[in-house]
Amino acid sequence: MEEQVVYDKLGRMKYNPEFHENHNKPYTTKEIAYICKNFKVMPIKTLALSVGRTENAVRYLVDRLKRDDLFDFYLKHEL
């Protein structure tokens, strides 16, 4: 049986195992670099789906990387 897609009040898709296959898995270095390189050029919905995570998870990661001054490090990292 397919899970129904549910959105929060801001229009973000809530966790759904069909779309968020990497939920609660550790991020790879390559994945973090991909997120950083595409964060400003790709819609967050598209970016989150492309890495199999929720929008909230991707936003939280980016916020944490910026807070810890690591965003630019991964931005320059080779894919």
PDB file of N, CA and C in Angstrom:
ATOM      1  N   MET A   1       0.835  -1.191   0.000  1.00  0.00           N
ATOM      2  CA  MET A   1       0.000   0.000   0.000  1.00  0.00           C
ATOM      3  C   MET A   1       0.875   1.248   0.000  1.00  0.00           C
ATOM      4  N   GLU A   2       0.582   2.191  -0.877  1.00  0.00           N
ATOM      5  CA  GLU A   2       1.359   3.417  -0.960  1.00  0.00           C
ATOM      6  C   GLU A   2       1.018   4.348   0.199  1.00  0.00           C
ATOM      7  N   GLU A   3       2.047   5.011   0.695  1.00  0.00           N
ATOM      8  CA  GLU A   3       1.853   5.999   1.753  1.00  0.00           C
ATOM      9  C   GLU A   3       1.314   7.283   1.124  1.00  0.00           C
ATOM     10  N   GLN A   4       0.426   7.941   1.812  1.00  0.00           N
ATOM     11  CA  GLN A   4      -0.100   9.210   1.329  1.00  0.00           C
ATOM     12  C   GLN A   4       0.918  10.308   1.609  1.00  0.00           C
ATOM     13  N   VAL A   5       1.088  11.200   0.641  1.00  0.00           N
ATOM     14  CA  VAL A   5       1.996  12.326   0.817  1.00  0.00           C
ATOM     15  C   VAL A   5       1.283  13.377   1.657  1.00  0.00           C
ATOM     16  N   VAL A   6       1.948  13.805   2.746  1.00  0.00           N
ATOM     17  CA  VAL A   6       1.373  14.782   3.678  1.00  0.00           C
ATOM     18  C   VAL A   6       2.306  15.990   3.739  1.00  0.00           C
ATOM     19  N   TYR A   7       1.712  17.168   3.762  1.00  0.00           N
ATOM     20  CA  TYR A   7       2.478  18.415   3.816  1.00  0.00           C
ATOM     21  C   TYR A   7       2.168  19.160   5.108  1.00  0.00           C
ATOM     22  N   ASP A   8       3.159  19.912   5.606  1.00  0.00           N
ATOM     23  CA  ASP A   8       2.909  20.728   6.789  1.00  0.00           C
ATOM     24  C   ASP A   8       2.231  22.029   6.362  1.00  0.00           C
ATOM     25  N   LYS A   9       1.959  22.910   7.317  1.00  0.00           N
ATOM     26  CA  LYS A   9       1.214  24.143   7.013  1.00  0.00           C
ATOM     27  C   LYS A   9       1.999  25.112   6.127  1.00  0.00           C
ATOM     28  N   LEU A  10       3.308  24.895   5.992  1.00  0.00           N
ATOM     29  CA  LEU A  10       4.125  25.738   5.125  1.00  0.00           C
ATOM     30  C   LEU A  10       4.347  25.113   3.745  1.00  0.00           C
ATOM     31  N   GLY A  11       3.699  23.977   3.495  1.00  0.00           N
ATOM     32  CA  GLY A  11       3.794  23.334   2.193  1.00  0.00           C
ATOM     33  C   GLY A  11       4.988  22.416   2.007  1.00  0.00           C
ATOM     34  N   ARG A  12       5.681  22.081   3.099  1.00  0.00           N
ATOM     35  CA  ARG A  12       6.819  21.168   3.016  1.00  0.00           C
ATOM     36  C   ARG A  12       6.339  19.739   3.194  1.00  0.00           C
ATOM     37  N   MET A  13       6.852  18.846   2.362  1.00  0.00           N
ATOM     38  CA  MET A  13       6.474  17.441   2.466  1.00  0.00           C
ATOM     39  C   MET A  13       7.010  16.858   3.767  1.00  0.00           C
ATOM     40  N   LYS A  14       6.143  16.196   4.502  1.00  0.00           N
ATOM     41  CA  LYS A  14       6.579  15.506   5.715  1.00  0.00           C
ATOM     42  C   LYS A  14       7.244  14.199   5.328  1.00  0.00           C
ATOM     43  N   TYR A  15       7.950  13.604   6.275  1.00  0.00           N
ATOM     44  CA  TYR A  15       8.686  12.365   6.001  1.00  0.00           C
ATOM     45  C   TYR A  15       7.790  11.322   5.351  1.00  0.00           C
ATOM     46  N   ASN A  16       8.303  10.761   4.273  1.00  0.00           N
ATOM     47  CA  ASN A  16       7.630   9.687   3.559  1.00  0.00           C
ATOM     48  C   ASN A  16       8.728   8.746   3.065  1.00  0.00           C
ATOM     49  N   PRO A  17       8.705   7.473   3.477  1.00  0.00           N
ATOM     50  CA  PRO A  17       9.793   6.555   3.122  1.00  0.00           C
ATOM     51  C   PRO A  17       9.964   6.350   1.620  1.00  0.00           C
ATOM     52  N   GLU A  18       8.929   6.611   0.837  1.00  0.00           N
ATOM     53  CA  GLU A  18       9.051   6.468  -0.616  1.00  0.00           C
ATOM     54  C   GLU A  18       9.930   7.553  -1.229  1.00  0.00           C
ATOM     55  N   PHE A  19       9.986   8.715  -0.613  1.00  0.00           N
ATOM     56  CA  PHE A  19      10.740   9.842  -1.150  1.00  0.00           C
ATOM     57  C   PHE A  19      11.992  10.174  -0.341  1.00  0.00           C
ATOM     58  N   HIS A  20      12.030   9.773   0.916  1.00  0.00           N
ATOM     59  CA  HIS A  20      13.124  10.154   1.812  1.00  0.00           C
ATOM     60  C   HIS A  20      13.896   8.914   2.274  1.00  0.00           C
ATOM     61  N   GLU A  21      14.491   8.233   1.303  1.00  0.00           N
ATOM     62  CA  GLU A  21      15.166   6.967   1.594  1.00  0.00           C
ATOM     63  C   GLU A  21      16.426   7.114   2.447  1.00  0.00           C
ATOM     64  N   ASN A  22      16.956   8.312   2.560  1.00  0.00           N
ATOM     65  CA  ASN A  22      18.164   8.519   3.370  1.00  0.00           C
ATOM     66  C   ASN A  22      17.859   9.116   4.744  1.00  0.00           C
ATOM     67  N   HIS A  23      16.592   9.161   5.103  1.00  0.00           N
ATOM     68  CA  HIS A  23      16.173   9.716   6.395  1.00  0.00           C
ATOM     69  C   HIS A  23      16.903   9.008   7.548  1.00  0.00           C
ATOM     70  N   ASN A  24      17.476   9.800   8.433  1.00  0.00           N
ATOM     71  CA  ASN A  24      18.207   9.316   9.623  1.00  0.00           C
ATOM     72  C   ASN A  24      19.498   8.580   9.300  1.00  0.00           C
ATOM     73  N   LYS A  25      19.949   8.609   8.054  1.00  0.00           N
ATOM     74  CA  LYS A  25      21.250   8.026   7.713  1.00  0.00           C
ATOM     75  C   LYS A  25      22.286   9.144   7.784  1.00  0.00           C
ATOM     76  N   PRO A  26      23.524   8.787   8.090  1.00  0.00           N
ATOM     77  CA  PRO A  26      24.555   9.830   8.127  1.00  0.00           C
ATOM     78  C   PRO A  26      24.794  10.410   6.728  1.00  0.00           C
ATOM     79  N   TYR A  27      25.141  11.682   6.679  1.00  0.00           N
ATOM     80  CA  TYR A  27      25.478  12.321   5.415  1.00  0.00           C
ATOM     81  C   TYR A  27      26.863  11.895   4.971  1.00  0.00           C
ATOM     82  N   THR A  28      27.048  11.677   3.678  1.00  0.00           N
ATOM     83  CA  THR A  28      28.381  11.426   3.142  1.00  0.00           C
ATOM     84  C   THR A  28      29.011  12.775   2.809  1.00  0.00           C
ATOM     85  N   THR A  29      30.311  12.813   2.712  1.00  0.00           N
ATOM     86  CA  THR A  29      31.010  14.042   2.341  1.00  0.00           C
ATOM     87  C   THR A  29      30.550  14.502   0.965  1.00  0.00           C
ATOM     88  N   LYS A  30      30.397  13.568   0.041  1.00  0.00           N
ATOM     89  CA  LYS A  30      29.946  13.889  -1.309  1.00  0.00           C
ATOM     90  C   LYS A  30      28.538  14.492  -1.290  1.00  0.00           C
ATOM     91  N   GLU A  31      27.678  13.956  -0.458  1.00  0.00           N
ATOM     92  CA  GLU A  31      26.312  14.456  -0.340  1.00  0.00           C
ATOM     93  C   GLU A  31      26.295  15.877   0.235  1.00  0.00           C
ATOM     94  N   ILE A  32      27.100  16.124   1.251  1.00  0.00           N
ATOM     95  CA  ILE A  32      27.172  17.458   1.856  1.00  0.00           C
ATOM     96  C   ILE A  32      27.673  18.470   0.834  1.00  0.00           C
ATOM     97  N   ALA A  33      28.710  18.087   0.088  1.00  0.00           N
ATOM     98  CA  ALA A  33      29.247  18.982  -0.945  1.00  0.00           C
ATOM     99  C   ALA A  33      28.189  19.275  -2.008  1.00  0.00           C
ATOM    100  N   TYR A  34      27.440  18.270  -2.419  1.00  0.00           N
ATOM    101  CA  TYR A  34      26.376  18.437  -3.405  1.00  0.00           C
ATOM    102  C   TYR A  34      25.311  19.412  -2.887  1.00  0.00           C
ATOM    103  N   ILE A  35      24.928  19.259  -1.646  1.00  0.00           N
ATOM    104  CA  ILE A  35      23.925  20.151  -1.048  1.00  0.00           C
ATOM    105  C   ILE A  35      24.446  21.586  -1.017  1.00  0.00           C
ATOM    106  N   CYS A  36      25.675  21.780  -0.593  1.00  0.00           N
ATOM    107  CA  CYS A  36      26.242  23.131  -0.506  1.00  0.00           C
ATOM    108  C   CYS A  36      26.352  23.776  -1.883  1.00  0.00           C
ATOM    109  N   LYS A  37      26.778  23.010  -2.883  1.00  0.00           N
ATOM    110  CA  LYS A  37      26.940  23.558  -4.228  1.00  0.00           C
ATOM    111  C   LYS A  37      25.608  23.927  -4.870  1.00  0.00           C
ATOM    112  N   ASN A  38      24.546  23.256  -4.486  1.00  0.00           N
ATOM    113  CA  ASN A  38      23.259  23.472  -5.134  1.00  0.00           C
ATOM    114  C   ASN A  38      22.251  24.234  -4.284  1.00  0.00           C
ATOM    115  N   PHE A  39      22.601  24.566  -3.062  1.00  0.00           N
ATOM    116  CA  PHE A  39      21.657  25.193  -2.134  1.00  0.00           C
ATOM    117  C   PHE A  39      21.096  26.509  -2.659  1.00  0.00           C
ATOM    118  N   LYS A  40      21.927  27.315  -3.297  1.00  0.00           N
ATOM    119  CA  LYS A  40      21.471  28.631  -3.755  1.00  0.00           C
ATOM    120  C   LYS A  40      20.949  28.618  -5.189  1.00  0.00           C
ATOM    121  N   VAL A  41      21.121  27.522  -5.908  1.00  0.00           N
ATOM    122  CA  VAL A  41      20.720  27.502  -7.320  1.00  0.00           C
ATOM    123  C   VAL A  41      19.569  26.541  -7.612  1.00  0.00           C
ATOM    124  N   MET A  42      19.197  25.730  -6.650  1.00  0.00           N
ATOM    125  CA  MET A  42      18.155  24.733  -6.844  1.00  0.00           C
ATOM    126  C   MET A  42      17.066  24.949  -5.800  1.00  0.00           C
ATOM    127  N   PRO A  43      15.801  24.820  -6.184  1.00  0.00           N
ATOM    128  CA  PRO A  43      14.743  24.936  -5.163  1.00  0.00           C
ATOM    129  C   PRO A  43      14.950  23.893  -4.059  1.00  0.00           C
ATOM    130  N   ILE A  44      14.694  24.281  -2.827  1.00  0.00           N
ATOM    131  CA  ILE A  44      14.932  23.397  -1.686  1.00  0.00           C
ATOM    132  C   ILE A  44      14.138  22.096  -1.815  1.00  0.00           C
ATOM    133  N   LYS A  45      12.937  22.167  -2.364  1.00  0.00           N
ATOM    134  CA  LYS A  45      12.138  20.950  -2.556  1.00  0.00           C
ATOM    135  C   LYS A  45      12.852  19.971  -3.475  1.00  0.00           C
ATOM    136  N   THR A  46      13.391  20.474  -4.564  1.00  0.00           N
ATOM    137  CA  THR A  46      14.102  19.643  -5.537  1.00  0.00           C
ATOM    138  C   THR A  46      15.389  19.096  -4.936  1.00  0.00           C
ATOM    139  N   LEU A  47      16.124  19.951  -4.253  1.00  0.00           N
ATOM    140  CA  LEU A  47      17.376  19.535  -3.631  1.00  0.00           C
ATOM    141  C   LEU A  47      17.138  18.441  -2.604  1.00  0.00           C
ATOM    142  N   ALA A  48      16.148  18.628  -1.752  1.00  0.00           N
ATOM    143  CA  ALA A  48      15.847  17.636  -0.714  1.00  0.00           C
ATOM    144  C   ALA A  48      15.462  16.293  -1.329  1.00  0.00           C
ATOM    145  N   LEU A  49      14.614  16.315  -2.336  1.00  0.00           N
ATOM    146  CA  LEU A  49      14.208  15.065  -2.989  1.00  0.00           C
ATOM    147  C   LEU A  49      15.382  14.398  -3.695  1.00  0.00           C
ATOM    148  N   SER A  50      16.292  15.190  -4.251  1.00  0.00           N
ATOM    149  CA  SER A  50      17.427  14.615  -4.976  1.00  0.00           C
ATOM    150  C   SER A  50      18.398  13.879  -4.056  1.00  0.00           C
ATOM    151  N   VAL A  51      18.412  14.232  -2.766  1.00  0.00           N
ATOM    152  CA  VAL A  51      19.287  13.534  -1.820  1.00  0.00           C
ATOM    153  C   VAL A  51      18.503  12.607  -0.890  1.00  0.00           C
ATOM    154  N   GLY A  52      17.195  12.503  -1.126  1.00  0.00           N
ATOM    155  CA  GLY A  52      16.373  11.570  -0.351  1.00  0.00           C
ATOM    156  C   GLY A  52      16.173  11.959   1.098  1.00  0.00           C
ATOM    157  N   ARG A  53      16.037  13.271   1.325  1.00  0.00           N
ATOM    158  CA  ARG A  53      15.858  13.780   2.683  1.00  0.00           C
ATOM    159  C   ARG A  53      14.739  14.811   2.694  1.00  0.00           C
ATOM    160  N   THR A  54      14.249  15.135   3.874  1.00  0.00           N
ATOM    161  CA  THR A  54      13.208  16.147   3.975  1.00  0.00           C
ATOM    162  C   THR A  54      13.811  17.545   3.824  1.00  0.00           C
ATOM    163  N   GLU A  55      12.953  18.503   3.474  1.00  0.00           N
ATOM    164  CA  GLU A  55      13.412  19.885   3.374  1.00  0.00           C
ATOM    165  C   GLU A  55      13.962  20.366   4.711  1.00  0.00           C
ATOM    166  N   ASN A  56      13.292  20.003   5.790  1.00  0.00           N
ATOM    167  CA  ASN A  56      13.750  20.420   7.118  1.00  0.00           C
ATOM    168  C   ASN A  56      15.146  19.885   7.411  1.00  0.00           C
ATOM    169  N   ALA A  57      15.409  18.643   7.032  1.00  0.00           N
ATOM    170  CA  ALA A  57      16.724  18.054   7.287  1.00  0.00           C
ATOM    171  C   ALA A  57      17.810  18.789   6.515  1.00  0.00           C
ATOM    172  N   VAL A  58      17.526  19.129   5.262  1.00  0.00           N
ATOM    173  CA  VAL A  58      18.517  19.841   4.443  1.00  0.00           C
ATOM    174  C   VAL A  58      18.735  21.250   4.992  1.00  0.00           C
ATOM    175  N   ARG A  59      17.656  21.936   5.349  1.00  0.00           N
ATOM    176  CA  ARG A  59      17.797  23.281   5.924  1.00  0.00           C
ATOM    177  C   ARG A  59      18.589  23.241   7.237  1.00  0.00           C
ATOM    178  N   TYR A  60      18.317  22.252   8.068  1.00  0.00           N
ATOM    179  CA  TYR A  60      19.023  22.124   9.338  1.00  0.00           C
ATOM    180  C   TYR A  60      20.517  21.889   9.091  1.00  0.00           C
ATOM    181  N   LEU A  61      20.834  21.007   8.143  1.00  0.00           N
ATOM    182  CA  LEU A  61      22.238  20.742   7.825  1.00  0.00           C
ATOM    183  C   LEU A  61      22.940  22.016   7.374  1.00  0.00           C
ATOM    184  N   VAL A  62      22.334  22.743   6.456  1.00  0.00           N
ATOM    185  CA  VAL A  62      22.948  23.969   5.942  1.00  0.00           C
ATOM    186  C   VAL A  62      23.120  24.994   7.059  1.00  0.00           C
ATOM    187  N   ASP A  63      22.116  25.163   7.893  1.00  0.00           N
ATOM    188  CA  ASP A  63      22.228  26.091   9.026  1.00  0.00           C
ATOM    189  C   ASP A  63      23.368  25.698   9.947  1.00  0.00           C
ATOM    190  N   ARG A  64      23.488  24.403  10.228  1.00  0.00           N
ATOM    191  CA  ARG A  64      24.551  23.914  11.109  1.00  0.00           C
ATOM    192  C   ARG A  64      25.929  24.123  10.474  1.00  0.00           C
ATOM    193  N   LEU A  65      26.048  23.853   9.177  1.00  0.00           N
ATOM    194  CA  LEU A  65      27.322  24.063   8.489  1.00  0.00           C
ATOM    195  C   LEU A  65      27.718  25.536   8.496  1.00  0.00           C
ATOM    196  N   LYS A  66      26.759  26.411   8.260  1.00  0.00           N
ATOM    197  CA  LYS A  66      27.050  27.853   8.280  1.00  0.00           C
ATOM    198  C   LYS A  66      27.440  28.307   9.679  1.00  0.00           C
ATOM    199  N   ARG A  67      26.726  27.813  10.684  1.00  0.00           N
ATOM    200  CA  ARG A  67      27.024  28.175  12.072  1.00  0.00           C
ATOM    201  C   ARG A  67      28.438  27.751  12.457  1.00  0.00           C
ATOM    202  N   ASP A  68      28.839  26.570  11.988  1.00  0.00           N
ATOM    203  CA  ASP A  68      30.158  26.025  12.322  1.00  0.00           C
ATOM    204  C   ASP A  68      31.242  26.431  11.316  1.00  0.00           C
ATOM    205  N   ASP A  69      30.932  27.387  10.441  1.00  0.00           N
ATOM    206  CA  ASP A  69      31.864  27.863   9.404  1.00  0.00           C
ATOM    207  C   ASP A  69      32.408  26.741   8.529  1.00  0.00           C
ATOM    208  N   LEU A  70      31.562  25.788   8.161  1.00  0.00           N
ATOM    209  CA  LEU A  70      31.965  24.678   7.301  1.00  0.00           C
ATOM    210  C   LEU A  70      31.305  24.713   5.926  1.00  0.00           C
ATOM    211  N   PHE A  71      30.337  25.601   5.742  1.00  0.00           N
ATOM    212  CA  PHE A  71      29.616  25.645   4.480  1.00  0.00           C
ATOM    213  C   PHE A  71      30.567  25.903   3.313  1.00  0.00           C
ATOM    214  N   ASP A  72      31.433  26.892   3.423  1.00  0.00           N
ATOM    215  CA  ASP A  72      32.367  27.223   2.339  1.00  0.00           C
ATOM    216  C   ASP A  72      33.371  26.103   2.101  1.00  0.00           C
ATOM    217  N   PHE A  73      33.767  25.412   3.149  1.00  0.00           N
ATOM    218  CA  PHE A  73      34.678  24.276   3.000  1.00  0.00           C
ATOM    219  C   PHE A  73      34.061  23.226   2.076  1.00  0.00           C
ATOM    220  N   TYR A  74      32.815  22.861   2.325  1.00  0.00           N
ATOM    221  CA  TYR A  74      32.152  21.853   1.499  1.00  0.00           C
ATOM    222  C   TYR A  74      31.763  22.413   0.134  1.00  0.00           C
ATOM    223  N   LEU A  75      31.535  23.704   0.045  1.00  0.00           N
ATOM    224  CA  LEU A  75      31.220  24.342  -1.220  1.00  0.00           C
ATOM    225  C   LEU A  75      32.379  24.178  -2.201  1.00  0.00           C
ATOM    226  N   LYS A  76      33.594  24.208  -1.690  1.00  0.00           N
ATOM    227  CA  LYS A  76      34.797  24.075  -2.522  1.00  0.00           C
ATOM    228  C   LYS A  76      35.228  22.624  -2.708  1.00  0.00           C
ATOM    229  N   HIS A  77      34.601  21.706  -2.003  1.00  0.00           N
ATOM    230  CA  HIS A  77      34.975  20.290  -2.044  1.00  0.00           C
ATOM    231  C   HIS A  77      34.630  19.676  -3.397  1.00  0.00           C
ATOM    232  N   GLU A  78      35.502  18.819  -3.894  1.00  0.00           N
ATOM    233  CA  GLU A  78      35.256  18.111  -5.162  1.00  0.00           C
ATOM    234  C   GLU A  78      34.169  17.094  -5.003  1.00  0.00           C
ATOM    235  N   LEU A  79      33.322  16.959  -6.004  1.00  0.00           N
ATOM    236  CA  LEU A  79      32.259  15.939  -5.978  1.00  0.00           C
ATOM    237  C   LEU A  79      32.759  14.628  -6.517  1.00  0.00           C
TER     238      LEU A  79
END
